[in-house]
Amino acid sequence: MASISVLIGVLVIVVVGAICFWAIEKFANDRRLANLLKLLVVLVCLGAIVQRLLALTY
């Protein structure tokens, strides 16, 4: 049961990250700023996914 909850959480994180990527592409005018924001989104999403997976091990 816990693995299903973690899987759903990871999927939600991926969907939210994809929506953030879309919003950055649509609304960021400066290319360097857009790249930095995308990098920030990737790092936050990876951190959240790792946190979910580590919670599964304990």
PDB file of N, CA and C in Angstrom:
ATOM      1  N   MET A   1       0.817  -1.196   0.000  1.00  0.00           N
ATOM      2  CA  MET A   1       0.000   0.000   0.000  1.00  0.00           C
ATOM      3  C   MET A   1       0.859   1.259   0.000  1.00  0.00           C
ATOM      4  N   ALA A   2       1.973   1.207   0.727  1.00  0.00           N
ATOM      5  CA  ALA A   2       2.834   2.385   0.800  1.00  0.00           C
ATOM      6  C   ALA A   2       3.490   2.665  -0.544  1.00  0.00           C
ATOM      7  N   SER A   3       3.814   1.619  -1.298  1.00  0.00           N
ATOM      8  CA  SER A   3       4.471   1.838  -2.585  1.00  0.00           C
ATOM      9  C   SER A   3       3.530   2.508  -3.586  1.00  0.00           C
ATOM     10  N   ILE A   4       2.248   2.208  -3.502  1.00  0.00           N
ATOM     11  CA  ILE A   4       1.267   2.857  -4.380  1.00  0.00           C
ATOM     12  C   ILE A   4       1.173   4.340  -4.038  1.00  0.00           C
ATOM     13  N   SER A   5       1.192   4.653  -2.758  1.00  0.00           N
ATOM     14  CA  SER A   5       1.146   6.048  -2.328  1.00  0.00           C
ATOM     15  C   SER A   5       2.378   6.805  -2.809  1.00  0.00           C
ATOM     16  N   VAL A   6       3.533   6.176  -2.724  1.00  0.00           N
ATOM     17  CA  VAL A   6       4.770   6.814  -3.198  1.00  0.00           C
ATOM     18  C   VAL A   6       4.721   7.009  -4.702  1.00  0.00           C
ATOM     19  N   LEU A   7       4.220   6.018  -5.433  1.00  0.00           N
ATOM     20  CA  LEU A   7       4.114   6.119  -6.884  1.00  0.00           C
ATOM     21  C   LEU A   7       3.184   7.259  -7.287  1.00  0.00           C
ATOM     22  N   ILE A   8       2.057   7.376  -6.620  1.00  0.00           N
ATOM     23  CA  ILE A   8       1.127   8.466  -6.907  1.00  0.00           C
ATOM     24  C   ILE A   8       1.772   9.812  -6.585  1.00  0.00           C
ATOM     25  N   GLY A   9       2.494   9.892  -5.480  1.00  0.00           N
ATOM     26  CA  GLY A   9       3.187  11.124  -5.123  1.00  0.00           C
ATOM     27  C   GLY A   9       4.225  11.521  -6.149  1.00  0.00           C
ATOM     28  N   VAL A  10       4.981  10.546  -6.641  1.00  0.00           N
ATOM     29  CA  VAL A  10       5.999  10.825  -7.657  1.00  0.00           C
ATOM     30  C   VAL A  10       5.332  11.282  -8.951  1.00  0.00           C
ATOM     31  N   LEU A  11       4.242  10.659  -9.332  1.00  0.00           N
ATOM     32  CA  LEU A  11       3.533  11.078 -10.544  1.00  0.00           C
ATOM     33  C   LEU A  11       2.999  12.499 -10.422  1.00  0.00           C
ATOM     34  N   VAL A  12       2.494  12.853  -9.256  1.00  0.00           N
ATOM     35  CA  VAL A  12       2.012  14.214  -9.033  1.00  0.00           C
ATOM     36  C   VAL A  12       3.166  15.206  -9.151  1.00  0.00           C
ATOM     37  N   ILE A  13       4.311  14.866  -8.600  1.00  0.00           N
ATOM     38  CA  ILE A  13       5.484  15.741  -8.687  1.00  0.00           C
ATOM     39  C   ILE A  13       5.904  15.927 -10.141  1.00  0.00           C
ATOM     40  N   VAL A  14       5.888  14.858 -10.920  1.00  0.00           N
ATOM     41  CA  VAL A  14       6.274  14.942 -12.329  1.00  0.00           C
ATOM     42  C   VAL A  14       5.288  15.816 -13.107  1.00  0.00           C
ATOM     43  N   VAL A  15       4.004  15.675 -12.838  1.00  0.00           N
ATOM     44  CA  VAL A  15       2.997  16.478 -13.533  1.00  0.00           C
ATOM     45  C   VAL A  15       3.146  17.955 -13.168  1.00  0.00           C
ATOM     46  N   VAL A  16       3.344  18.246 -11.900  1.00  0.00           N
ATOM     47  CA  VAL A  16       3.534  19.641 -11.486  1.00  0.00           C
ATOM     48  C   VAL A  16       4.800  20.214 -12.115  1.00  0.00           C
ATOM     49  N   GLY A  17       5.859  19.434 -12.183  1.00  0.00           N
ATOM     50  CA  GLY A  17       7.087  19.880 -12.845  1.00  0.00           C
ATOM     51  C   GLY A  17       6.867  20.166 -14.320  1.00  0.00           C
ATOM     52  N   ALA A  18       6.096  19.322 -14.992  1.00  0.00           N
ATOM     53  CA  ALA A  18       5.805  19.544 -16.412  1.00  0.00           C
ATOM     54  C   ALA A  18       4.981  20.812 -16.616  1.00  0.00           C
ATOM     55  N   ILE A  19       4.044  21.070 -15.725  1.00  0.00           N
ATOM     56  CA  ILE A  19       3.251  22.298 -15.811  1.00  0.00           C
ATOM     57  C   ILE A  19       4.143  23.516 -15.589  1.00  0.00           C
ATOM     58  N   CYS A  20       5.071  23.421 -14.655  1.00  0.00           N
ATOM     59  CA  CYS A  20       6.015  24.524 -14.423  1.00  0.00           C
ATOM     60  C   CYS A  20       6.895  24.755 -15.648  1.00  0.00           C
ATOM     61  N   PHE A  21       7.354  23.677 -16.287  1.00  0.00           N
ATOM     62  CA  PHE A  21       8.155  23.817 -17.500  1.00  0.00           C
ATOM     63  C   PHE A  21       7.358  24.539 -18.577  1.00  0.00           C
ATOM     64  N   TRP A  22       6.098  24.172 -18.742  1.00  0.00           N
ATOM     65  CA  TRP A  22       5.250  24.806 -19.747  1.00  0.00           C
ATOM     66  C   TRP A  22       5.080  26.292 -19.448  1.00  0.00           C
ATOM     67  N   ALA A  23       4.834  26.623 -18.182  1.00  0.00           N
ATOM     68  CA  ALA A  23       4.642  28.016 -17.809  1.00  0.00           C
ATOM     69  C   ALA A  23       5.922  28.821 -18.022  1.00  0.00           C
ATOM     70  N   ILE A  24       7.068  28.224 -17.727  1.00  0.00           N
ATOM     71  CA  ILE A  24       8.337  28.916 -17.945  1.00  0.00           C
ATOM     72  C   ILE A  24       8.545  29.169 -19.438  1.00  0.00           C
ATOM     73  N   GLU A  25       8.287  28.174 -20.257  1.00  0.00           N
ATOM     74  CA  GLU A  25       8.436  28.341 -21.703  1.00  0.00           C
ATOM     75  C   GLU A  25       7.508  29.420 -22.245  1.00  0.00           C
ATOM     76  N   LYS A  26       6.307  29.482 -21.711  1.00  0.00           N
ATOM     77  CA  LYS A  26       5.305  30.401 -22.238  1.00  0.00           C
ATOM     78  C   LYS A  26       5.548  31.839 -21.787  1.00  0.00           C
ATOM     79  N   PHE A  27       5.954  32.040 -20.541  1.00  0.00           N
ATOM     80  CA  PHE A  27       5.961  33.379 -19.973  1.00  0.00           C
ATOM     81  C   PHE A  27       7.341  33.986 -19.733  1.00  0.00           C
ATOM     82  N   ALA A  28       8.398  33.208 -19.772  1.00  0.00           N
ATOM     83  CA  ALA A  28       9.737  33.769 -19.534  1.00  0.00           C
ATOM     84  C   ALA A  28      10.277  34.330 -20.846  1.00  0.00           C
ATOM     85  N   ASN A  29      10.597  35.608 -20.821  1.00  0.00           N
ATOM     86  CA  ASN A  29      11.092  36.262 -22.038  1.00  0.00           C
ATOM     87  C   ASN A  29      12.589  36.065 -22.223  1.00  0.00           C
ATOM     88  N   ASP A  30      13.338  36.139 -21.157  1.00  0.00           N
ATOM     89  CA  ASP A  30      14.793  36.008 -21.222  1.00  0.00           C
ATOM     90  C   ASP A  30      15.180  34.529 -21.224  1.00  0.00           C
ATOM     91  N   ARG A  31      15.985  34.114 -22.186  1.00  0.00           N
ATOM     92  CA  ARG A  31      16.342  32.699 -22.334  1.00  0.00           C
ATOM     93  C   ARG A  31      17.204  32.211 -21.173  1.00  0.00           C
ATOM     94  N   ARG A  32      18.126  33.054 -20.700  1.00  0.00           N
ATOM     95  CA  ARG A  32      18.978  32.632 -19.572  1.00  0.00           C
ATOM     96  C   ARG A  32      18.161  32.465 -18.305  1.00  0.00           C
ATOM     97  N   LEU A  33      17.222  33.380 -18.075  1.00  0.00           N
ATOM     98  CA  LEU A  33      16.340  33.256 -16.911  1.00  0.00           C
ATOM     99  C   LEU A  33      15.496  31.996 -17.009  1.00  0.00           C
ATOM    100  N   ALA A  34      14.989  31.714 -18.193  1.00  0.00           N
ATOM    101  CA  ALA A  34      14.175  30.511 -18.390  1.00  0.00           C
ATOM    102  C   ALA A  34      14.995  29.258 -18.093  1.00  0.00           C
ATOM    103  N   ASN A  35      16.246  29.228 -18.539  1.00  0.00           N
ATOM    104  CA  ASN A  35      17.089  28.059 -18.276  1.00  0.00           C
ATOM    105  C   ASN A  35      17.371  27.894 -16.788  1.00  0.00           C
ATOM    106  N   LEU A  36      17.614  29.008 -16.096  1.00  0.00           N
ATOM    107  CA  LEU A  36      17.838  28.925 -14.651  1.00  0.00           C
ATOM    108  C   LEU A  36      16.590  28.460 -13.913  1.00  0.00           C
ATOM    109  N   LEU A  37      15.433  28.953 -14.329  1.00  0.00           N
ATOM    110  CA  LEU A  37      14.187  28.523 -13.690  1.00  0.00           C
ATOM    111  C   LEU A  37      13.914  27.045 -13.943  1.00  0.00           C
ATOM    112  N   LYS A  38      14.199  26.587 -15.144  1.00  0.00           N
ATOM    113  CA  LYS A  38      14.018  25.166 -15.446  1.00  0.00           C
ATOM    114  C   LYS A  38      14.939  24.302 -14.595  1.00  0.00           C
ATOM    115  N   LEU A  39      16.187  24.750 -14.445  1.00  0.00           N
ATOM    116  CA  LEU A  39      17.124  24.023 -13.596  1.00  0.00           C
ATOM    117  C   LEU A  39      16.621  23.970 -12.155  1.00  0.00           C
ATOM    118  N   LEU A  40      16.090  25.073 -11.670  1.00  0.00           N
ATOM    119  CA  LEU A  40      15.530  25.106 -10.321  1.00  0.00           C
ATOM    120  C   LEU A  40      14.352  24.145 -10.183  1.00  0.00           C
ATOM    121  N   VAL A  41      13.486  24.096 -11.174  1.00  0.00           N
ATOM    122  CA  VAL A  41      12.342  23.180 -11.144  1.00  0.00           C
ATOM    123  C   VAL A  41      12.824  21.735 -11.121  1.00  0.00           C
ATOM    124  N   VAL A  42      13.826  21.422 -11.933  1.00  0.00           N
ATOM    125  CA  VAL A  42      14.353  20.054 -11.974  1.00  0.00           C
ATOM    126  C   VAL A  42      14.939  19.669 -10.618  1.00  0.00           C
ATOM    127  N   LEU A  43      15.713  20.568 -10.028  1.00  0.00           N
ATOM    128  CA  LEU A  43      16.323  20.254  -8.731  1.00  0.00           C
ATOM    129  C   LEU A  43      15.278  20.081  -7.633  1.00  0.00           C
ATOM    130  N   VAL A  44      14.269  20.925  -7.618  1.00  0.00           N
ATOM    131  CA  VAL A  44      13.215  20.811  -6.600  1.00  0.00           C
ATOM    132  C   VAL A  44      12.430  19.515  -6.796  1.00  0.00           C
ATOM    133  N   CYS A  45      12.107  19.188  -8.045  1.00  0.00           N
ATOM    134  CA  CYS A  45      11.360  17.952  -8.309  1.00  0.00           C
ATOM    135  C   CYS A  45      12.184  16.721  -7.950  1.00  0.00           C
ATOM    136  N   LEU A  46      13.459  16.722  -8.290  1.00  0.00           N
ATOM    137  CA  LEU A  46      14.309  15.585  -7.928  1.00  0.00           C
ATOM    138  C   LEU A  46      14.437  15.447  -6.415  1.00  0.00           C
ATOM    139  N   GLY A  47      14.570  16.571  -5.728  1.00  0.00           N
ATOM    140  CA  GLY A  47      14.626  16.526  -4.269  1.00  0.00           C
ATOM    141  C   GLY A  47      13.353  15.971  -3.664  1.00  0.00           C
ATOM    142  N   ALA A  48      12.212  16.373  -4.203  1.00  0.00           N
ATOM    143  CA  ALA A  48      10.937  15.873  -3.687  1.00  0.00           C
ATOM    144  C   ALA A  48      10.773  14.378  -3.968  1.00  0.00           C
ATOM    145  N   ILE A  49      11.218  13.934  -5.147  1.00  0.00           N
ATOM    146  CA  ILE A  49      11.117  12.509  -5.482  1.00  0.00           C
ATOM    147  C   ILE A  49      12.023  11.687  -4.575  1.00  0.00           C
ATOM    148  N   VAL A  50      13.248  12.167  -4.354  1.00  0.00           N
ATOM    149  CA  VAL A  50      14.171  11.451  -3.460  1.00  0.00           C
ATOM    150  C   VAL A  50      13.606  11.389  -2.049  1.00  0.00           C
ATOM    151  N   GLN A  51      12.980  12.473  -1.605  1.00  0.00           N
ATOM    152  CA  GLN A  51      12.371  12.482  -0.274  1.00  0.00           C
ATOM    153  C   GLN A  51      11.267  11.431  -0.171  1.00  0.00           C
ATOM    154  N   ARG A  52      10.441  11.318  -1.217  1.00  0.00           N
ATOM    155  CA  ARG A  52       9.383  10.296  -1.220  1.00  0.00           C
ATOM    156  C   ARG A  52       9.970   8.894  -1.191  1.00  0.00           C
ATOM    157  N   LEU A  53      11.022   8.680  -1.977  1.00  0.00           N
ATOM    158  CA  LEU A  53      11.616   7.342  -2.023  1.00  0.00           C
ATOM    159  C   LEU A  53      12.322   6.982  -0.727  1.00  0.00           C
ATOM    160  N   LEU A  54      12.952   7.969  -0.088  1.00  0.00           N
ATOM    161  CA  LEU A  54      13.595   7.693   1.192  1.00  0.00           C
ATOM    162  C   LEU A  54      12.568   7.412   2.283  1.00  0.00           C
ATOM    163  N   ALA A  55      11.412   8.047   2.205  1.00  0.00           N
ATOM    164  CA  ALA A  55      10.354   7.771   3.176  1.00  0.00           C
ATOM    165  C   ALA A  55       9.849   6.336   3.028  1.00  0.00           C
ATOM    166  N   LEU A  56       9.947   5.797   1.817  1.00  0.00           N
ATOM    167  CA  LEU A  56       9.515   4.419   1.591  1.00  0.00           C
ATOM    168  C   LEU A  56      10.466   3.422   2.259  1.00  0.00           C
ATOM    169  N   THR A  57      11.746   3.761   2.372  1.00  0.00           N
ATOM    170  CA  THR A  57      12.715   2.826   2.936  1.00  0.00           C
ATOM    171  C   THR A  57      12.636   2.730   4.444  1.00  0.00           C
ATOM    172  N   TYR A  58      12.097   3.765   5.101  1.00  0.00           N
ATOM    173  CA  TYR A  58      12.017   3.726   6.567  1.00  0.00           C
ATOM    174  C   TYR A  58      10.682   3.256   7.050  1.00  0.00           C
TER     175      TYR A  58
END
